N, C-alpha and C. Protein backbone atom coordinates (compact mmCIF):
# COMPACT_ATOMS: atom_id res chain seq x y z
N UNK A 1 -247.31 84.18 -144.57
CA UNK A 1 -247.09 82.91 -145.57
C UNK A 1 -246.24 84.46 -146.60
N UNK A 2 -244.73 84.05 -146.92
CA UNK A 2 -244.06 84.99 -147.92
C UNK A 2 -244.27 84.50 -149.09
N UNK A 3 -243.53 85.14 -150.12
CA UNK A 3 -243.86 84.29 -151.80
C UNK A 3 -243.54 83.32 -151.87
N UNK A 4 -242.28 82.92 -151.34
CA UNK A 4 -241.20 82.04 -151.54
C UNK A 4 -241.93 80.42 -150.90
N UNK A 5 -242.84 80.78 -150.22
CA UNK A 5 -243.07 79.83 -149.47
C UNK A 5 -242.79 79.52 -148.04
N UNK A 6 -241.87 80.11 -147.40
CA UNK A 6 -241.34 80.39 -146.20
C UNK A 6 -242.61 80.86 -145.18
N UNK A 7 -242.53 80.98 -143.94
CA UNK A 7 -243.39 81.58 -143.41
C UNK A 7 -242.55 82.65 -142.50
N UNK A 8 -241.43 82.58 -142.51
CA UNK A 8 -240.55 83.90 -142.13
C UNK A 8 -240.59 83.47 -140.36
N UNK A 9 -240.76 82.28 -139.74
CA UNK A 9 -240.53 82.08 -138.61
C UNK A 9 -238.79 81.29 -138.71
N UNK A 10 -237.99 81.22 -137.47
CA UNK A 10 -236.33 80.98 -137.40
C UNK A 10 -236.21 80.10 -137.78
N UNK A 11 -236.86 78.90 -137.95
CA UNK A 11 -236.36 77.48 -138.74
C UNK A 11 -236.49 77.49 -139.70
N UNK A 12 -237.21 78.75 -140.77
CA UNK A 12 -237.13 78.81 -142.17
C UNK A 12 -235.75 79.66 -142.44
N UNK A 13 -234.80 80.23 -141.33
CA UNK A 13 -233.84 81.51 -141.93
C UNK A 13 -232.81 80.28 -142.39
N UNK A 14 -232.46 78.89 -141.54
CA UNK A 14 -231.65 78.22 -141.89
C UNK A 14 -231.67 77.79 -143.15
N UNK A 15 -232.69 78.06 -143.49
CA UNK A 15 -232.58 77.31 -145.15
C UNK A 15 -231.88 78.74 -146.17
N UNK A 16 -231.53 79.84 -145.61
CA UNK A 16 -231.33 80.63 -146.46
C UNK A 16 -230.05 80.96 -146.52
N UNK A 17 -229.37 80.80 -147.76
CA UNK A 17 -227.76 80.43 -148.15
C UNK A 17 -227.23 81.77 -147.45
N UNK A 18 -225.74 81.28 -146.74
CA UNK A 18 -224.92 82.48 -146.46
C UNK A 18 -225.33 82.44 -144.85
N UNK A 19 -226.28 81.78 -144.70
CA UNK A 19 -226.45 82.21 -142.93
C UNK A 19 -226.37 80.86 -142.30
N UNK A 20 -225.32 80.86 -141.40
CA UNK A 20 -224.94 79.84 -140.89
C UNK A 20 -225.53 79.74 -139.11
N UNK A 21 -225.39 81.11 -138.43
CA UNK A 21 -225.82 80.92 -137.12
C UNK A 21 -227.02 81.87 -136.82
N UNK A 22 -228.04 81.48 -135.92
CA UNK A 22 -229.15 82.04 -136.01
C UNK A 22 -228.98 83.25 -135.26
N UNK A 23 -227.62 83.35 -134.56
CA UNK A 23 -227.43 84.62 -133.14
C UNK A 23 -227.03 85.57 -133.95
N UNK A 24 -226.63 85.76 -135.47
CA UNK A 24 -225.90 86.54 -135.99
C UNK A 24 -227.08 87.55 -136.81
N UNK A 25 -227.95 86.90 -136.76
CA UNK A 25 -229.34 87.61 -137.47
C UNK A 25 -229.58 88.88 -136.54
N UNK A 26 -229.91 90.32 -136.83
CA UNK A 26 -230.20 90.95 -135.39
C UNK A 26 -231.34 92.10 -136.82
N UNK A 27 -232.45 91.81 -136.51
CA UNK A 27 -233.70 92.72 -137.02
C UNK A 27 -233.64 93.54 -136.21
N UNK A 28 -233.46 95.34 -136.71
CA UNK A 28 -233.48 96.26 -135.79
C UNK A 28 -235.04 96.91 -135.91
N UNK A 29 -235.41 96.97 -136.81
CA UNK A 29 -236.61 97.56 -137.33
C UNK A 29 -237.47 96.76 -138.18
N UNK A 30 -239.01 97.09 -138.28
CA UNK A 30 -239.95 96.03 -138.74
C UNK A 30 -239.49 96.02 -140.73
N UNK A 31 -238.86 97.01 -141.00
CA UNK A 31 -238.34 97.28 -142.41
C UNK A 31 -237.39 96.93 -142.43
N UNK A 32 -236.95 95.69 -142.94
CA UNK A 32 -235.42 94.85 -142.96
C UNK A 32 -235.94 93.74 -144.05
N UNK A 33 -235.02 93.21 -145.12
CA UNK A 33 -235.21 92.90 -145.92
C UNK A 33 -233.66 92.16 -146.36
N UNK A 34 -234.01 90.70 -146.56
CA UNK A 34 -232.28 90.13 -146.63
C UNK A 34 -231.63 90.59 -148.01
N UNK A 35 -230.37 90.74 -148.22
CA UNK A 35 -229.84 90.98 -149.10
C UNK A 35 -229.52 90.07 -150.01
N UNK A 36 -228.57 90.17 -151.11
CA UNK A 36 -227.93 88.74 -151.52
C UNK A 36 -227.42 87.54 -151.10
N UNK A 37 -226.73 88.08 -150.06
CA UNK A 37 -226.14 87.15 -149.42
C UNK A 37 -227.30 86.26 -148.11
N UNK A 38 -228.07 86.98 -147.87
CA UNK A 38 -229.32 86.25 -147.02
C UNK A 38 -229.15 87.37 -145.82
N UNK A 39 -228.21 88.31 -145.35
CA UNK A 39 -228.15 88.97 -144.21
C UNK A 39 -229.37 89.97 -143.94
N UNK A 40 -230.03 90.28 -143.02
CA UNK A 40 -230.82 91.42 -142.97
C UNK A 40 -230.09 92.51 -143.75
N UNK A 41 -230.81 93.13 -143.71
CA UNK A 41 -229.94 95.01 -144.03
C UNK A 41 -231.36 95.80 -144.30
N UNK A 42 -231.10 96.93 -143.69
CA UNK A 42 -232.12 98.03 -143.29
C UNK A 42 -232.20 98.94 -145.15
N UNK A 43 -233.89 98.61 -144.98
CA UNK A 43 -234.46 99.31 -146.53
C UNK A 43 -235.50 100.13 -146.25
N UNK A 44 -235.83 101.49 -147.01
CA UNK A 44 -236.64 102.45 -146.61
C UNK A 44 -237.70 102.30 -147.60
N UNK A 45 -238.65 102.87 -147.06
CA UNK A 45 -240.06 103.17 -147.89
C UNK A 45 -239.78 104.16 -149.28
N UNK A 46 -238.34 105.16 -149.33
CA UNK A 46 -238.43 106.04 -150.55
C UNK A 46 -238.00 105.20 -151.45
N UNK A 47 -237.92 106.29 -152.46
CA UNK A 47 -237.46 105.41 -153.65
C UNK A 47 -236.27 105.56 -154.21
N UNK A 48 -235.69 104.56 -154.50
CA UNK A 48 -233.94 104.82 -154.87
C UNK A 48 -233.91 106.01 -155.67
N UNK A 49 -232.48 106.82 -155.45
CA UNK A 49 -232.28 107.74 -156.46
C UNK A 49 -231.93 107.21 -157.79
N UNK A 50 -231.18 106.05 -157.86
CA UNK A 50 -231.20 105.29 -159.16
C UNK A 50 -231.75 103.77 -159.35
N UNK A 51 -232.56 103.73 -160.09
CA UNK A 51 -233.59 102.72 -160.52
C UNK A 51 -232.43 101.34 -161.43
N UNK A 52 -232.50 100.38 -160.76
CA UNK A 52 -231.52 99.06 -161.04
C UNK A 52 -232.71 98.45 -162.05
N UNK A 53 -233.78 98.43 -162.07
CA UNK A 53 -234.37 97.66 -163.35
C UNK A 53 -236.00 98.34 -163.37
N UNK A 54 -236.69 97.44 -164.47
CA UNK A 54 -237.93 98.50 -164.75
C UNK A 54 -238.86 97.00 -164.27
N UNK A 55 -240.01 97.79 -163.55
CA UNK A 55 -240.83 96.58 -163.34
C UNK A 55 -242.20 96.69 -164.78
N UNK A 56 -242.63 95.21 -165.06
CA UNK A 56 -243.35 95.08 -166.03
C UNK A 56 -244.91 95.98 -165.46
N UNK A 57 -245.53 96.73 -166.24
CA UNK A 57 -246.78 97.11 -165.70
C UNK A 57 -247.62 95.87 -165.54
N UNK A 58 -248.75 96.11 -164.42
CA UNK A 58 -249.61 95.19 -164.03
C UNK A 58 -250.43 94.42 -165.50
N UNK A 59 -250.53 93.46 -165.83
CA UNK A 59 -251.23 92.88 -166.81
C UNK A 59 -249.87 93.06 -168.09
N UNK A 60 -249.18 93.07 -168.07
CA UNK A 60 -248.35 93.20 -168.98
C UNK A 60 -247.63 92.08 -169.31
N UNK A 61 -247.88 90.99 -168.85
CA UNK A 61 -247.50 89.57 -169.57
C UNK A 61 -248.13 89.36 -171.02
N UNK A 62 -248.17 88.12 -171.27
CA UNK A 62 -248.32 87.34 -172.72
C UNK A 62 -249.78 87.31 -172.37
N UNK A 63 -250.67 87.76 -173.58
CA UNK A 63 -251.61 87.24 -174.07
C UNK A 63 -252.34 85.48 -174.49
N UNK A 64 -251.39 85.22 -174.74
CA UNK A 64 -251.28 83.81 -174.78
C UNK A 64 -250.42 82.97 -174.08
N UNK A 65 -250.44 81.68 -174.60
CA UNK A 65 -249.42 81.21 -173.87
C UNK A 65 -248.15 81.17 -174.47
N UNK A 66 -247.00 80.98 -173.85
CA UNK A 66 -245.35 81.40 -174.18
C UNK A 66 -244.99 80.42 -175.45
N UNK A 67 -245.84 79.28 -175.89
CA UNK A 67 -245.50 78.46 -176.60
C UNK A 67 -246.39 78.88 -178.17
N UNK A 68 -247.10 79.63 -177.85
CA UNK A 68 -247.73 80.71 -179.32
C UNK A 68 -246.84 80.95 -179.79
N UNK A 69 -247.24 81.73 -181.09
CA UNK A 69 -245.98 82.30 -182.05
C UNK A 69 -246.62 84.02 -181.48
N UNK A 70 -245.40 84.57 -182.00
CA UNK A 70 -245.53 86.38 -181.24
C UNK A 70 -246.83 86.59 -181.59
N UNK A 71 -247.28 87.05 -182.88
CA UNK A 71 -248.23 87.60 -183.20
C UNK A 71 -249.74 87.28 -182.27
N UNK A 72 -249.43 85.59 -182.00
CA UNK A 72 -250.86 85.42 -181.38
C UNK A 72 -250.56 85.62 -179.95
N UNK A 73 -249.66 86.07 -179.04
CA UNK A 73 -249.27 86.32 -178.18
C UNK A 73 -249.34 87.85 -177.50
N UNK A 74 -249.35 88.58 -178.61
CA UNK A 74 -249.49 90.02 -178.75
C UNK A 74 -251.00 90.67 -179.74
N UNK A 75 -252.28 89.70 -179.70
CA UNK A 75 -253.11 89.72 -180.44
C UNK A 75 -254.17 90.97 -179.90
N UNK A 76 -253.99 91.81 -178.30
CA UNK A 76 -254.43 92.83 -178.09
C UNK A 76 -253.94 94.02 -178.59
N UNK A 77 -253.04 94.23 -178.88
CA UNK A 77 -252.51 95.53 -179.02
C UNK A 77 -252.25 95.48 -181.11
N UNK A 78 -252.06 94.50 -181.70
CA UNK A 78 -252.32 93.96 -182.71
C UNK A 78 -253.80 94.49 -183.41
N UNK A 79 -255.31 94.41 -182.62
CA UNK A 79 -255.93 94.16 -182.74
C UNK A 79 -256.34 95.87 -182.54
N UNK A 80 -255.78 96.76 -181.95
CA UNK A 80 -256.09 97.96 -181.70
C UNK A 80 -255.28 98.72 -182.92
N UNK A 81 -253.95 98.40 -183.53
CA UNK A 81 -253.54 98.75 -184.10
C UNK A 81 -254.12 98.59 -185.83
N UNK A 82 -254.45 97.13 -186.04
CA UNK A 82 -255.10 97.34 -187.02
C UNK A 82 -256.55 98.29 -187.34
N UNK A 83 -257.02 98.11 -186.12
CA UNK A 83 -258.10 98.88 -186.46
C UNK A 83 -257.88 100.44 -186.35
N UNK A 84 -256.76 100.94 -185.81
CA UNK A 84 -256.21 102.19 -185.93
C UNK A 84 -255.41 102.35 -187.63
N UNK A 85 -254.98 101.57 -187.79
CA UNK A 85 -254.32 101.67 -188.93
C UNK A 85 -255.56 101.67 -190.04
N UNK A 86 -256.58 101.14 -189.72
CA UNK A 86 -257.88 100.75 -191.07
C UNK A 86 -258.25 102.22 -191.43
N UNK A 87 -258.54 103.32 -189.97
CA UNK A 87 -259.43 104.55 -189.84
C UNK A 87 -257.96 105.24 -190.38
N UNK A 88 -256.88 105.46 -190.35
CA UNK A 88 -255.91 106.20 -190.76
C UNK A 88 -256.25 106.02 -192.83
N UNK A 89 -255.85 104.55 -193.06
CA UNK A 89 -256.35 104.70 -194.42
C UNK A 89 -258.07 105.04 -194.60
N UNK A 90 -258.89 104.71 -194.09
CA UNK A 90 -260.13 105.59 -194.98
C UNK A 90 -259.85 106.75 -194.47
N UNK A 91 -259.03 107.60 -193.45
CA UNK A 91 -258.84 108.70 -193.52
C UNK A 91 -258.26 109.79 -194.73
N UNK A 92 -257.36 108.85 -195.22
CA UNK A 92 -256.65 108.95 -196.40
C UNK A 92 -257.05 108.74 -197.84
N UNK A 93 -257.98 107.86 -197.58
CA UNK A 93 -259.08 107.96 -198.86
C UNK A 93 -260.04 108.86 -198.88
N UNK A 94 -259.94 109.86 -198.27
CA UNK A 94 -261.15 111.11 -198.26
C UNK A 94 -262.11 110.57 -197.34
N UNK A 95 -262.34 109.69 -196.62
CA UNK A 95 -263.30 109.17 -195.56
C UNK A 95 -263.31 109.86 -194.27
N UNK A 96 -262.97 111.04 -194.45
CA UNK A 96 -262.31 111.57 -192.91
C UNK A 96 -263.00 111.21 -191.68
N UNK A 97 -264.56 111.36 -191.81
CA UNK A 97 -265.25 111.42 -191.04
C UNK A 97 -265.47 110.01 -190.24
N UNK A 98 -265.57 109.02 -190.79
CA UNK A 98 -265.24 107.78 -190.61
C UNK A 98 -264.06 106.95 -190.81
N UNK A 99 -263.18 107.51 -191.11
CA UNK A 99 -261.93 106.89 -189.94
C UNK A 99 -260.95 108.10 -189.20
N UNK A 100 -261.56 108.84 -188.74
CA UNK A 100 -261.13 109.29 -187.52
C UNK A 100 -262.27 108.66 -186.50
N UNK A 101 -263.44 108.38 -186.86
CA UNK A 101 -264.24 107.86 -185.60
C UNK A 101 -264.09 106.16 -185.42
N UNK A 102 -263.43 105.75 -186.62
CA UNK A 102 -262.69 104.42 -186.33
C UNK A 102 -261.46 104.46 -185.43
N UNK A 103 -260.52 105.51 -185.42
CA UNK A 103 -259.14 105.48 -184.90
C UNK A 103 -260.07 105.83 -183.32
N UNK A 104 -260.92 106.35 -183.24
CA UNK A 104 -261.11 107.18 -181.76
C UNK A 104 -261.96 105.98 -181.08
N UNK A 105 -262.49 104.89 -181.84
CA UNK A 105 -263.07 103.79 -181.23
C UNK A 105 -262.24 102.73 -181.06
N UNK A 106 -261.11 102.67 -182.07
CA UNK A 106 -259.83 101.86 -182.00
C UNK A 106 -259.13 102.23 -180.38
N UNK A 107 -259.11 103.33 -180.07
CA UNK A 107 -258.42 103.88 -178.53
C UNK A 107 -259.74 103.15 -177.56
N UNK A 108 -260.94 103.45 -178.16
CA UNK A 108 -261.81 102.85 -176.71
C UNK A 108 -261.72 101.43 -176.58
N UNK A 109 -261.53 100.56 -177.91
CA UNK A 109 -261.40 98.90 -177.62
C UNK A 109 -260.16 98.67 -176.57
N UNK A 110 -258.91 99.64 -177.21
CA UNK A 110 -257.87 99.39 -176.43
C UNK A 110 -258.20 99.33 -174.36
N UNK A 111 -258.81 100.45 -174.45
CA UNK A 111 -259.48 100.62 -173.16
C UNK A 111 -260.18 99.50 -172.43
N UNK A 112 -260.92 98.93 -173.28
CA UNK A 112 -261.99 97.90 -172.76
C UNK A 112 -261.15 96.55 -172.52
N UNK A 113 -260.36 96.41 -173.63
CA UNK A 113 -259.53 95.23 -173.26
C UNK A 113 -258.83 95.28 -172.09
N UNK A 114 -257.97 96.80 -171.80
CA UNK A 114 -257.21 96.71 -170.69
C UNK A 114 -258.16 96.16 -169.93
N UNK A 115 -259.13 96.95 -169.65
CA UNK A 115 -259.93 96.80 -168.41
C UNK A 115 -260.30 95.10 -168.10
N UNK A 116 -260.81 94.58 -168.97
CA UNK A 116 -261.44 93.25 -169.15
C UNK A 116 -260.71 92.03 -168.96
N UNK A 117 -259.20 92.10 -169.51
CA UNK A 117 -258.09 90.81 -169.66
C UNK A 117 -257.22 91.29 -168.45
N UNK A 118 -257.13 90.16 -168.05
CA UNK A 118 -255.63 89.80 -167.14
C UNK A 118 -254.35 90.63 -167.73
N UNK A 119 -254.18 90.04 -168.79
CA UNK A 119 -252.89 89.67 -169.60
C UNK A 119 -253.48 90.62 -170.92
N UNK A 120 -252.49 91.71 -171.44
CA UNK A 120 -252.85 92.59 -172.82
C UNK A 120 -251.83 92.61 -172.99
N UNK A 121 -250.30 92.11 -172.66
CA UNK A 121 -249.06 92.06 -173.68
C UNK A 121 -248.32 93.69 -173.71
N UNK A 122 -248.05 94.41 -174.95
CA UNK A 122 -247.73 95.13 -174.98
C UNK A 122 -248.77 96.58 -175.11
N UNK A 123 -250.13 96.39 -174.82
CA UNK A 123 -251.04 96.89 -174.65
C UNK A 123 -250.97 97.64 -173.68
N UNK A 124 -250.11 96.85 -172.40
CA UNK A 124 -250.06 97.41 -171.23
C UNK A 124 -248.71 98.44 -171.06
N UNK A 125 -249.29 99.41 -171.13
CA UNK A 125 -247.90 100.36 -170.73
C UNK A 125 -247.56 101.00 -169.52
N UNK A 126 -248.60 101.59 -168.97
CA UNK A 126 -248.59 102.17 -167.18
C UNK A 126 -249.40 101.25 -166.18
N UNK A 127 -249.53 101.81 -165.18
CA UNK A 127 -250.62 100.93 -164.67
C UNK A 127 -252.17 100.96 -165.03
N UNK A 128 -252.88 99.95 -164.59
CA UNK A 128 -254.27 99.59 -165.63
C UNK A 128 -255.14 100.50 -165.59
N UNK A 129 -255.35 101.57 -163.97
CA UNK A 129 -256.41 102.56 -164.09
C UNK A 129 -255.45 103.73 -165.25
N UNK A 130 -254.06 103.94 -165.27
CA UNK A 130 -253.47 105.11 -165.96
C UNK A 130 -254.31 104.49 -167.35
N UNK A 131 -253.53 103.40 -167.85
CA UNK A 131 -254.20 102.85 -169.10
C UNK A 131 -255.27 103.04 -169.63
N UNK A 132 -256.36 102.99 -168.92
CA UNK A 132 -257.82 102.80 -169.36
C UNK A 132 -258.39 104.02 -169.26
N UNK A 133 -258.03 105.01 -168.31
CA UNK A 133 -258.55 106.42 -167.85
C UNK A 133 -257.56 106.95 -169.87
N UNK A 134 -256.47 106.88 -170.01
CA UNK A 134 -255.57 107.57 -171.15
C UNK A 134 -256.23 107.00 -172.44
N UNK A 135 -256.50 105.77 -172.59
CA UNK A 135 -257.28 105.11 -173.55
C UNK A 135 -258.71 105.82 -173.86
N UNK A 136 -259.52 105.59 -172.67
CA UNK A 136 -261.18 105.80 -172.77
C UNK A 136 -261.07 107.36 -172.75
N UNK A 137 -260.43 108.27 -172.31
CA UNK A 137 -260.04 109.48 -172.31
C UNK A 137 -260.00 110.23 -174.16
N UNK A 138 -258.61 109.71 -174.45
CA UNK A 138 -258.55 110.24 -175.78
C UNK A 138 -259.39 109.81 -176.74
N UNK A 139 -259.86 108.50 -176.62
CA UNK A 139 -260.84 107.63 -177.41
C UNK A 139 -262.03 108.32 -177.71
N UNK A 140 -262.91 108.76 -176.52
CA UNK A 140 -264.08 110.04 -176.20
C UNK A 140 -263.80 110.67 -176.91
N UNK A 141 -262.90 111.87 -177.04
CA UNK A 141 -262.79 112.80 -177.62
C UNK A 141 -262.59 112.75 -178.68
N UNK A 142 -261.81 111.96 -179.63
CA UNK A 142 -261.63 111.92 -180.54
C UNK A 142 -263.16 111.56 -181.26
N UNK A 143 -263.74 110.48 -180.61
CA UNK A 143 -265.20 110.03 -181.59
C UNK A 143 -265.73 111.32 -181.34
N UNK A 144 -265.97 112.17 -180.29
CA UNK A 144 -266.87 113.53 -180.20
C UNK A 144 -266.36 114.14 -181.28
N UNK A 145 -265.28 114.71 -181.19
CA UNK A 145 -264.84 115.86 -181.96
C UNK A 145 -264.87 115.15 -183.90
N UNK A 146 -265.01 113.93 -184.02
CA UNK A 146 -265.49 112.74 -185.34
C UNK A 146 -266.54 113.39 -185.66
N UNK A 147 -267.54 112.84 -184.58
CA UNK A 147 -268.78 113.57 -184.54
C UNK A 147 -269.78 114.74 -185.14
N UNK A 148 -268.51 115.97 -184.41
CA UNK A 148 -268.93 117.17 -184.77
C UNK A 148 -268.43 118.03 -185.51
N UNK A 149 -267.87 117.31 -186.63
CA UNK A 149 -266.98 117.77 -187.47
C UNK A 149 -267.48 118.40 -188.83
N UNK A 150 -267.30 119.57 -189.17
CA UNK A 150 -267.84 119.99 -190.25
C UNK A 150 -267.42 119.56 -191.59
N UNK A 151 -268.40 119.93 -192.67
CA UNK A 151 -269.65 120.19 -192.61
C UNK A 151 -270.92 119.26 -192.22
N UNK A 152 -271.89 119.39 -191.91
CA UNK A 152 -272.82 118.24 -191.75
C UNK A 152 -272.41 117.64 -190.52
N UNK A 153 -272.54 118.28 -189.20
CA UNK A 153 -272.08 117.42 -188.49
C UNK A 153 -273.06 116.39 -187.98
N UNK A 154 -272.84 115.04 -187.43
CA UNK A 154 -274.04 114.17 -187.07
C UNK A 154 -274.01 114.29 -185.66
N UNK A 155 -273.47 115.29 -184.70
CA UNK A 155 -273.80 115.50 -183.64
C UNK A 155 -273.65 117.04 -183.24
N UNK A 156 -274.57 117.41 -183.10
CA UNK A 156 -274.42 119.11 -182.35
C UNK A 156 -275.02 119.26 -181.00
N UNK A 157 -274.19 120.19 -180.55
CA UNK A 157 -274.35 120.57 -178.80
C UNK A 157 -274.48 121.86 -178.89
N UNK A 158 -275.90 122.27 -178.76
CA UNK A 158 -276.10 123.84 -179.04
C UNK A 158 -275.36 124.60 -178.14
N UNK A 159 -275.09 124.29 -177.16
CA UNK A 159 -274.31 125.39 -176.22
C UNK A 159 -272.61 125.73 -176.91
N UNK A 160 -272.36 124.72 -177.42
CA UNK A 160 -270.97 124.80 -178.12
C UNK A 160 -270.96 126.13 -178.93
N UNK A 161 -271.93 126.06 -179.50
CA UNK A 161 -272.23 126.71 -180.43
C UNK A 161 -272.49 128.29 -179.85
N UNK A 162 -273.08 128.36 -179.10
CA UNK A 162 -273.30 129.67 -178.64
C UNK A 162 -271.78 130.17 -177.83
N UNK A 163 -271.18 129.35 -176.88
CA UNK A 163 -270.13 129.71 -176.42
C UNK A 163 -268.90 129.81 -177.34
N UNK A 164 -268.70 129.63 -178.44
CA UNK A 164 -268.03 129.98 -179.58
C UNK A 164 -268.22 131.55 -180.05
N UNK A 165 -269.46 131.72 -180.05
CA UNK A 165 -270.15 133.21 -180.36
C UNK A 165 -269.15 134.06 -179.35
N UNK A 166 -269.97 133.99 -178.25
CA UNK A 166 -268.91 134.98 -177.19
C UNK A 166 -267.38 134.94 -177.18
N UNK A 167 -266.89 134.34 -177.87
CA UNK A 167 -265.89 134.43 -177.60
C UNK A 167 -265.01 134.86 -178.80
N UNK A 168 -265.67 134.19 -180.01
CA UNK A 168 -265.14 134.77 -181.21
C UNK A 168 -265.53 136.31 -181.67
N UNK A 169 -265.29 136.91 -181.70
CA UNK A 169 -265.70 138.25 -182.44
C UNK A 169 -265.65 138.63 -183.92
N UNK A 170 -266.22 139.29 -184.43
CA UNK A 170 -265.60 139.81 -186.03
C UNK A 170 -265.21 141.02 -185.76
């Protein structure tokens, strides 16, 4: 059964526009597809030299029904941007550690939303796996750095201090 509801049998070919006689159709190999007029043409598995259109990333559909207002359709990316904006505002107001921590948490929330929700709107930039790894990895690094920032770090990793002493000499 194909995507358009046909089974691909000979009787279904009669419904293809531009194909009058079944004897005209010649499929030379299993890798063939109909062109715009319905005639089979050879396709390859290689990527084309010129891209004619861009596919939407998986999960890149609307996060709400199409009759909802625009902000409601893009609520996942708006939530992540609001958290990141609040983190940048707190950083500007001299709450550096809390602001940067909130910025990292916003990226982690973006990764979790990308993982859990089937459609996340503009939060979907690449494939689901790549988005999750990118958002999660960057968010984790930013959170760890915010926890280790001097003075008075909230997180101390002893081997990092020893490594720094071996690499930097007076």
